[in-house]
Amino acid sequence: MSEESRQVQKRRRAIRAPRNVLIRDFAIFQLKLLLDGAKDLVLSGLSFGALVIDLLSGGGTRPRVFYSVLALSERFDLWLNLSGAVSRLEEEELDEDGLFGASEAGSDTLLGKVEEVVRGGDLPRHLRRKLEEERRKHGDRGSGS
């Protein structure tokens, strides 16, 4: 089997998730779609304005405002990362983290920032609690010796 065939099979793999994760991931995706749509509306107006400014000012001797709008759009798209987590979901088994598990808390994406605020880090709360309990147990033993 070729590498390309394996990649196609990976993409076709069914992703399973508990209902609560599905609902949360749906809400995250809808928020991202809403933000993406708002971006399109705002940038449409900005790009027309930038074009008018560029056409009325100089014969190409000044930096073009239009290209600044394009750069802004690209930065926003990278931050929003509309469907970037899906590629990681297809490669890894989906657990209770859902889309959160496919992103890194604190990364420069919307999902990364939301995850950092909601969970306080990359680990789910229950795992963080277990680690803290283990640290306390080991810390208590070390001080008693």
Protein backbone atom coordinates (compact mmCIF):
# COMPACT_ATOMS: atom_id res chain seq x y z
CA MET A 1 0.00 0.00 0.00
CA SER A 2 1.40 3.39 -0.99
CA GLU A 3 1.93 6.28 1.44
CA GLU A 4 -0.76 8.25 -0.38
CA SER A 5 -3.30 5.43 0.11
CA ARG A 6 -2.51 5.33 3.83
CA GLN A 7 -3.05 9.08 4.07
CA VAL A 8 -6.45 8.78 2.35
CA GLN A 9 -7.45 5.98 4.74
CA LYS A 10 -6.42 8.10 7.73
CA ARG A 11 -8.61 10.95 6.52
CA ARG A 12 -11.58 8.63 6.07
CA ARG A 13 -11.28 7.14 9.56
CA ALA A 14 -14.42 7.66 11.58
CA ILE A 15 -13.91 9.92 14.57
CA ARG A 16 -15.83 8.87 17.67
CA ALA A 17 -16.57 11.08 20.66
CA PRO A 18 -18.87 11.14 23.70
CA ARG A 19 -21.98 13.34 23.37
CA ASN A 20 -20.74 16.07 25.72
CA VAL A 21 -17.49 16.38 23.73
CA LEU A 22 -19.44 16.44 20.45
CA ILE A 23 -21.69 19.25 21.72
CA ARG A 24 -18.75 21.27 23.07
CA ASP A 25 -16.77 20.84 19.84
CA PHE A 26 -19.86 21.83 17.82
CA ALA A 27 -20.16 25.02 19.89
CA ILE A 28 -16.46 25.78 19.36
CA PHE A 29 -16.80 25.24 15.61
CA GLN A 30 -19.90 27.47 15.43
CA LEU A 31 -18.05 30.23 17.30
CA LYS A 32 -15.17 29.93 14.86
CA LEU A 33 -17.56 30.08 11.88
CA LEU A 34 -19.24 33.16 13.34
CA LEU A 35 -15.89 34.88 13.81
CA ASP A 36 -14.77 33.86 10.31
CA GLY A 37 -17.96 35.30 8.81
CA ALA A 38 -17.56 38.55 10.75
CA LYS A 39 -13.94 38.74 9.54
CA ASP A 40 -15.11 38.35 5.94
CA LEU A 41 -17.62 41.17 6.29
CA VAL A 42 -15.14 43.53 7.94
CA LEU A 43 -12.29 42.73 5.56
CA SER A 44 -14.53 43.13 2.53
CA GLY A 45 -15.19 46.74 3.48
CA LEU A 46 -11.59 47.35 4.51
CA SER A 47 -10.25 45.97 1.23
CA PHE A 48 -12.50 48.27 -0.83
CA GLY A 49 -11.39 51.24 1.26
CA ALA A 50 -7.75 50.24 0.94
CA LEU A 51 -8.10 49.90 -2.83
CA VAL A 52 -9.60 53.38 -3.13
CA ILE A 53 -6.83 54.85 -0.97
CA ASP A 54 -4.16 53.05 -3.00
CA LEU A 55 -5.65 54.18 -6.34
CA LEU A 56 -5.93 57.81 -5.22
CA SER A 57 -2.49 58.06 -3.63
CA GLY A 58 0.65 58.01 -5.73
CA GLY A 59 1.65 55.82 -8.60
CA GLY A 60 3.01 52.92 -6.58
CA THR A 61 5.69 54.88 -4.77
CA ARG A 62 4.09 54.34 -1.34
CA PRO A 63 3.42 51.01 0.39
CA ARG A 64 0.00 49.73 -0.63
CA VAL A 65 -2.64 49.65 2.10
CA PHE A 66 -4.44 46.81 0.31
CA TYR A 67 -1.55 44.42 1.00
CA SER A 68 -1.64 45.37 4.67
CA VAL A 69 -5.29 44.29 4.70
CA LEU A 70 -4.29 40.97 3.10
CA ALA A 71 -1.62 40.44 5.75
CA LEU A 72 -4.16 41.23 8.48
CA SER A 73 -6.53 38.67 6.98
CA GLU A 74 -3.83 36.00 6.91
CA ARG A 75 -2.83 36.65 10.55
CA PHE A 76 -6.47 36.38 11.61
CA ASP A 77 -6.91 33.11 9.68
CA LEU A 78 -3.83 31.64 11.34
CA TRP A 79 -5.11 32.73 14.75
CA LEU A 80 -8.62 31.39 14.12
CA ASN A 81 -7.28 28.10 12.71
CA LEU A 82 -10.78 27.18 11.57
CA SER A 83 -10.25 23.49 10.90
CA GLY A 84 -6.60 22.97 11.79
CA ALA A 85 -7.36 20.70 14.75
CA VAL A 86 -9.09 18.17 12.50
CA SER A 87 -5.82 16.94 10.99
CA ARG A 88 -4.54 16.06 14.48
CA LEU A 89 -7.87 14.43 15.37
CA GLU A 90 -7.57 12.16 12.33
CA GLU A 91 -4.08 11.05 13.36
CA GLU A 92 -4.79 10.47 17.04
CA GLU A 93 -7.53 8.70 18.94
CA LEU A 94 -10.19 11.15 20.12
CA ASP A 95 -10.78 11.13 23.85
CA GLU A 96 -12.73 13.34 26.25
CA ASP A 97 -10.61 16.31 25.16
CA GLY A 98 -12.07 16.46 21.65
CA LEU A 99 -10.83 19.57 19.88
CA PHE A 100 -9.04 20.68 23.05
CA GLY A 101 -6.91 17.56 22.84
CA ALA A 102 -5.96 18.40 19.27
CA SER A 103 -4.64 21.85 20.18
CA GLU A 104 -2.01 23.13 22.56
CA ALA A 105 -3.16 25.28 25.45
CA GLY A 106 -1.76 28.79 25.17
CA SER A 107 -0.84 28.50 21.49
CA ASP A 108 -1.37 31.55 19.31
CA THR A 109 -4.72 30.27 18.06
CA LEU A 110 -8.24 30.98 19.26
CA LEU A 111 -8.65 27.40 20.47
CA GLY A 112 -5.28 27.50 22.25
CA LYS A 113 -6.22 30.69 24.09
CA VAL A 114 -9.70 29.40 24.98
CA GLU A 115 -8.19 26.15 26.25
CA GLU A 116 -5.70 28.04 28.38
CA VAL A 117 -8.46 30.15 29.94
CA VAL A 118 -10.95 27.30 30.42
CA ARG A 119 -8.57 24.59 31.57
CA GLY A 120 -5.59 26.55 32.80
CA GLY A 121 -3.22 24.42 30.76
CA ASP A 122 -2.90 21.57 28.30
CA LEU A 123 -3.91 18.77 30.67
CA PRO A 124 -7.56 18.03 31.42
CA ARG A 125 -8.66 18.98 34.93
CA HIS A 126 -8.98 15.38 36.16
CA LEU A 127 -5.40 14.57 35.08
CA ARG A 128 -4.09 17.80 36.60
CA ARG A 129 -5.81 16.91 39.89
CA LYS A 130 -4.28 13.42 39.85
CA LEU A 131 -0.82 14.86 39.24
CA GLU A 132 -1.26 17.37 42.06
CA GLU A 133 -2.40 14.59 44.42
CA GLU A 134 0.63 12.48 43.45
CA ARG A 135 2.96 15.43 44.04
CA ARG A 136 1.42 16.01 47.46
CA LYS A 137 1.79 12.33 48.37
CA HIS A 138 5.41 12.24 47.28
CA GLY A 139 6.11 15.60 48.86
CA ASP A 140 4.69 14.47 52.21
CA ARG A 141 6.82 11.29 52.20
CA GLY A 142 9.96 13.22 51.36
CA SER A 143 9.52 15.65 54.25
CA GLY A 144 8.87 12.89 56.82
CA SER A 145 12.14 11.00 56.15
